[in-house]
Protein backbone atom coordinates (compact mmCIF):
# COMPACT_ATOMS: atom_id res chain seq x y z
CA MET A 1 0.00 0.00 0.00
CA SER A 2 1.30 3.48 -0.84
CA GLN A 3 2.51 5.56 2.08
CA ASP A 4 2.19 8.96 0.37
CA MET A 5 -0.35 11.58 1.38
CA GLY A 6 -2.55 10.44 -1.46
CA ALA A 7 -3.11 7.10 0.23
CA GLY A 8 -6.44 7.30 2.01
CA GLY A 9 -5.32 5.64 5.23
CA LEU A 10 -2.39 7.96 5.92
CA ALA A 11 -4.27 11.06 4.80
CA ASP A 12 -7.11 10.23 7.18
CA ARG A 13 -4.69 9.74 10.06
CA LEU A 14 -3.05 13.13 9.51
CA VAL A 15 -6.18 15.23 8.98
CA PRO A 16 -6.66 16.01 12.71
CA VAL A 17 -3.07 17.24 13.08
CA LEU A 18 -1.86 18.84 9.84
CA ARG A 19 -3.46 22.16 8.95
CA PRO A 20 -2.31 25.45 7.40
CA VAL A 21 -0.05 27.38 9.76
CA ARG A 22 -0.24 31.08 10.53
CA ALA A 23 2.16 33.31 8.65
CA GLY A 24 3.74 34.80 11.77
CA ASN A 25 5.17 31.53 13.15
CA GLY A 26 5.24 29.27 10.10
CA PHE A 27 8.44 27.40 10.96
CA GLU A 28 7.57 26.86 14.62
CA GLU A 29 3.99 25.78 14.00
CA ALA A 30 4.95 23.47 11.14
CA LEU A 31 7.58 21.88 13.39
CA GLU A 32 4.99 21.53 16.16
CA GLN A 33 2.55 19.73 13.87
CA ILE A 34 5.05 17.33 12.31
CA LEU A 35 6.50 16.56 15.74
CA GLN A 36 2.99 15.70 16.86
CA VAL A 37 2.60 13.37 13.87
CA VAL A 38 5.81 11.57 14.84
CA ARG A 39 5.35 11.60 18.63
CA LEU A 40 1.76 10.41 18.43
CA GLY A 41 2.77 7.52 16.19
CA LEU A 42 0.47 8.61 13.37
CA VAL A 43 3.29 7.58 11.04
CA PRO A 44 4.89 4.57 12.74
CA GLY A 45 8.61 3.89 12.80
CA GLY A 46 9.82 2.62 9.44
CA GLU A 47 7.06 4.33 7.46
CA ARG A 48 7.48 7.30 5.17
CA LEU A 49 6.16 10.78 5.78
CA PRO A 50 4.08 12.34 3.02
CA ALA A 51 6.02 13.75 0.07
CA GLU A 52 7.53 17.21 0.53
CA ARG A 53 5.22 18.83 -2.00
CA GLU A 54 2.12 17.45 -0.32
CA LEU A 55 3.32 18.25 3.20
CA ALA A 56 4.16 21.82 2.19
CA GLU A 57 0.74 22.27 0.58
CA ARG A 58 -1.06 20.82 3.60
CA LEU A 59 0.83 23.12 5.97
CA GLY A 60 0.74 26.17 3.72
CA ILE A 61 4.51 26.72 3.82
CA SER A 62 7.31 26.80 1.26
CA ARG A 63 9.35 23.69 0.57
CA VAL A 64 12.43 25.59 1.78
CA THR A 65 10.80 26.08 5.20
CA LEU A 66 9.63 22.46 5.22
CA ARG A 67 13.16 21.22 4.54
CA GLU A 68 14.42 23.25 7.49
CA VAL A 69 11.77 21.62 9.66
CA LEU A 70 12.72 18.15 8.44
CA LYS A 71 16.40 18.92 9.08
CA VAL A 72 15.55 19.61 12.74
CA LEU A 73 13.77 16.24 12.95
CA GLN A 74 16.80 14.53 11.39
CA ASP A 75 19.15 16.24 13.84
CA GLN A 76 16.97 14.97 16.70
CA GLY A 77 17.16 11.41 15.39
CA LEU A 78 13.43 11.22 14.69
CA VAL A 79 13.54 10.80 10.91
CA GLU A 80 16.03 9.98 8.19
CA ALA A 81 16.19 10.94 4.52
CA ARG A 82 16.63 8.15 1.97
CA ARG A 83 17.47 8.63 -1.68
CA GLY A 84 16.37 6.76 -4.74
CA ARG A 85 13.13 5.70 -6.35
CA TYR A 86 11.67 4.55 -3.04
CA GLY A 87 13.28 7.31 -1.04
CA GLY A 88 11.76 10.05 1.07
CA THR A 89 11.72 11.00 4.73
CA PHE A 90 11.20 8.00 6.98
CA VAL A 91 10.26 7.97 10.66
CA LEU A 92 12.83 6.17 12.79
CA PRO A 93 11.81 3.72 15.53
CA ARG A 94 11.35 5.49 18.86
CA THR A 95 14.09 5.42 21.46
CA ASP A 96 13.77 7.38 24.70
CA ALA A 97 16.72 9.72 25.03
CA GLY A 98 17.81 11.13 28.36
CA GLY A 99 16.70 14.60 27.36
CA GLU A 100 13.17 13.47 26.69
CA ASP A 101 13.04 11.52 29.96
CA GLU A 102 14.21 14.61 31.83
CA LEU A 103 11.68 16.76 29.99
CA ARG A 104 8.84 14.44 30.89
CA ARG A 105 9.96 14.39 34.51
CA ARG A 106 9.86 18.18 34.61
CA ILE A 107 6.52 18.60 32.87
CA ALA A 108 4.95 16.07 35.21
CA GLU A 109 5.46 18.65 37.94
CA VAL A 110 3.80 21.58 36.14
CA ASP A 111 0.66 22.38 34.20
CA ILE A 112 2.32 23.41 30.96
CA GLU A 113 -0.77 25.04 29.48
CA ASP A 114 -1.28 27.10 32.62
CA VAL A 115 2.36 28.21 32.53
CA LEU A 116 2.23 29.18 28.86
CA ARG A 117 -1.03 31.11 29.21
CA PHE A 118 0.09 32.93 32.34
CA ARG A 119 3.36 33.83 30.66
CA GLU A 120 1.49 35.24 27.66
CA VAL A 121 -0.83 37.32 29.83
CA LEU A 122 2.10 38.81 31.77
CA GLU A 123 4.30 39.48 28.74
CA VAL A 124 1.56 40.93 26.56
CA GLY A 125 0.46 43.13 29.44
CA ALA A 126 4.00 44.34 30.16
CA ALA A 127 4.65 45.19 26.51
CA GLY A 128 1.40 47.12 26.27
CA LEU A 129 2.07 49.05 29.49
CA CYS A 130 5.58 50.04 28.41
CA ALA A 131 4.32 51.34 25.07
CA ALA A 132 1.22 53.06 26.46
CA HIS A 133 2.90 54.80 29.40
CA GLY A 134 6.16 55.56 27.65
CA LEU A 135 9.74 55.14 28.85
CA THR A 136 12.30 57.65 30.03
CA ARG A 137 15.40 58.17 27.93
CA GLU A 138 17.40 56.05 30.36
CA GLN A 139 14.81 53.26 30.22
CA GLU A 140 14.76 53.36 26.42
CA GLU A 141 18.52 52.96 26.43
CA ARG A 142 18.30 49.99 28.80
CA LEU A 143 15.80 48.31 26.50
CA ARG A 144 17.93 48.93 23.41
CA GLU A 145 21.01 47.56 25.19
CA ALA A 146 19.12 44.42 26.24
CA LEU A 147 18.03 43.91 22.62
CA ASP A 148 21.60 44.44 21.36
CA ARG A 149 22.88 41.78 23.76
CA THR A 150 20.56 39.21 22.20
CA HIS A 151 21.93 40.05 18.75
CA GLU A 152 25.54 39.79 19.92
CA ALA A 153 25.22 36.70 22.13
CA PRO A 154 26.89 33.47 21.00
CA LEU A 155 24.58 30.50 20.72
CA ALA A 156 25.56 29.13 24.14
CA ASP A 157 24.60 32.41 25.83
CA TYR A 158 21.54 33.23 23.77
CA ARG A 159 18.90 31.93 26.14
CA ARG A 160 20.32 33.99 29.01
CA ALA A 161 20.35 37.16 26.89
CA ASP A 162 16.82 36.41 25.70
CA THR A 163 15.65 36.00 29.29
CA LEU A 164 17.27 39.29 30.31
CA LEU A 165 15.52 41.14 27.48
CA HIS A 166 12.13 39.83 28.57
CA LEU A 167 12.86 40.52 32.24
CA THR A 168 13.92 44.08 31.37
CA LEU A 169 10.65 44.68 29.55
CA ALA A 170 8.71 43.29 32.53
CA GLU A 171 10.62 45.50 34.94
CA LEU A 172 10.13 48.65 32.84
CA CYS A 173 6.34 48.27 32.79
CA GLY A 174 6.22 49.84 36.24
CA SER A 175 4.57 47.02 38.20
CA PRO A 176 6.89 45.27 40.70
CA SER A 177 4.20 42.62 41.28
CA LEU A 178 4.07 41.79 37.58
CA THR A 179 7.87 41.70 37.41
CA ALA A 180 8.05 39.24 40.32
CA GLN A 181 5.37 37.00 38.85
CA TYR A 182 7.06 37.06 35.47
CA ALA A 183 10.44 36.12 36.93
CA ALA A 184 8.85 33.07 38.55
CA VAL A 185 7.01 31.90 35.47
CA ARG A 186 10.02 32.54 33.26
CA ALA A 187 12.11 30.25 35.46
CA THR A 188 9.61 27.46 34.82
CA VAL A 189 9.59 28.17 31.08
CA ASN A 190 13.40 28.10 31.00
CA ASP A 191 13.44 24.71 32.76
CA LEU A 192 11.37 23.39 29.88
CA LEU A 193 13.32 25.20 27.17
CA ASP A 194 16.56 23.75 28.52
CA CYS A 195 15.29 20.30 27.57
CA ILE A 196 14.75 21.09 23.89
CA PRO A 197 17.37 22.04 21.28
CA LEU A 198 18.29 25.59 20.31
CA LEU A 199 17.11 25.92 16.71
CA VAL A 200 18.95 28.51 14.63
CA ARG A 201 15.95 29.17 12.38
CA ASN A 202 13.75 29.79 15.41
CA LEU A 203 16.34 32.09 17.01
CA GLU A 204 16.63 34.17 13.84
CA HIS A 205 12.86 34.47 13.75
CA SER A 206 12.75 35.39 17.44
CA GLN A 207 15.32 38.10 16.85
CA ARG A 208 13.18 39.70 14.16
CA GLN A 209 10.22 39.60 16.53
CA HIS A 210 12.33 41.09 19.35
CA THR A 211 13.37 43.97 17.11
CA ALA A 212 9.80 44.66 15.97
CA LEU A 213 8.60 44.45 19.57
CA VAL A 214 11.15 46.94 20.88
CA GLU A 215 10.43 49.30 17.99
CA ALA A 216 6.70 49.20 18.78
CA VAL A 217 7.37 49.93 22.45
CA LEU A 218 9.68 52.84 21.65
CA ASP A 219 7.17 54.21 19.13
CA GLY A 220 4.41 54.15 21.77
CA ASP A 221 2.41 51.65 19.69
CA ALA A 222 0.65 49.73 22.47
CA ASP A 223 -1.54 47.64 20.16
CA GLY A 224 1.44 46.73 17.97
CA ALA A 225 3.57 45.84 20.99
CA ARG A 226 0.87 43.62 22.46
CA GLU A 227 0.26 41.84 19.15
CA MET A 228 3.96 41.23 18.48
CA MET A 229 4.49 39.90 22.01
CA ARG A 230 1.44 37.65 21.65
CA GLU A 231 2.84 36.26 18.38
CA HIS A 232 6.28 35.82 19.95
CA CYS A 233 4.87 33.87 22.91
CA ALA A 234 2.83 31.73 20.53
CA GLY A 235 5.99 30.71 18.67
CA THR A 236 7.68 29.50 21.85
CA ALA A 237 4.51 27.73 22.94
CA ALA A 238 4.31 25.96 19.57
CA LEU A 239 7.85 24.61 19.95
CA LEU A 240 7.25 23.39 23.50
CA ARG A 241 3.96 21.75 22.60
CA GLY A 242 5.61 20.09 19.62
CA PHE A 243 8.38 18.53 21.69
CA LEU A 244 6.06 17.68 24.57
CA ALA A 245 3.36 15.95 22.53
């Protein structure tokens, strides 16, 4: 029996999971969905994923973006690419790595959806407050410097610089209570992020969002700042949900 998307059985199995992604977080959401396909066993080990053209059409992304997603899955040892007439991208048999075991131990202790939603509420609120109330010249400089550090950070230090940027924004909103709550929830988010790989494509995308976010705050565009932060949080949530499925 054919294992391509055109085969009724496989297509039916993937309908509940694969859907067009939103433009803002195309890479992250496509990765989330295909990870779900693999983690849920919708395409068992040894079977082939749908052809690139059909996967890209189903997800509403370019084949270039899809190949970057598949490269991440290969790097994680979840799939392998085979050449030739009967080639394609094949799902590898599952093996529980230490990182995944550690991740599952950590998420057993938290309500991940609660954490992600609370984080979004705090971050979106902080971004909106900073833009609406305005920042002093000194505060604007602090925010710009925090953004610059994320651009300059080597890969090994990126997550720390990213955290400091978000903490700076929370602090500058003018609510010590919000800042304290955000610091606590960010620690939980970082525990989870530490268990998944740093993805260069995602970091580049995050940097563009960071820049747009800071520009909106400095321009006093509260609606724009809130929307960009909401989109940014959604991208991180998509990655975590993908790896946690």
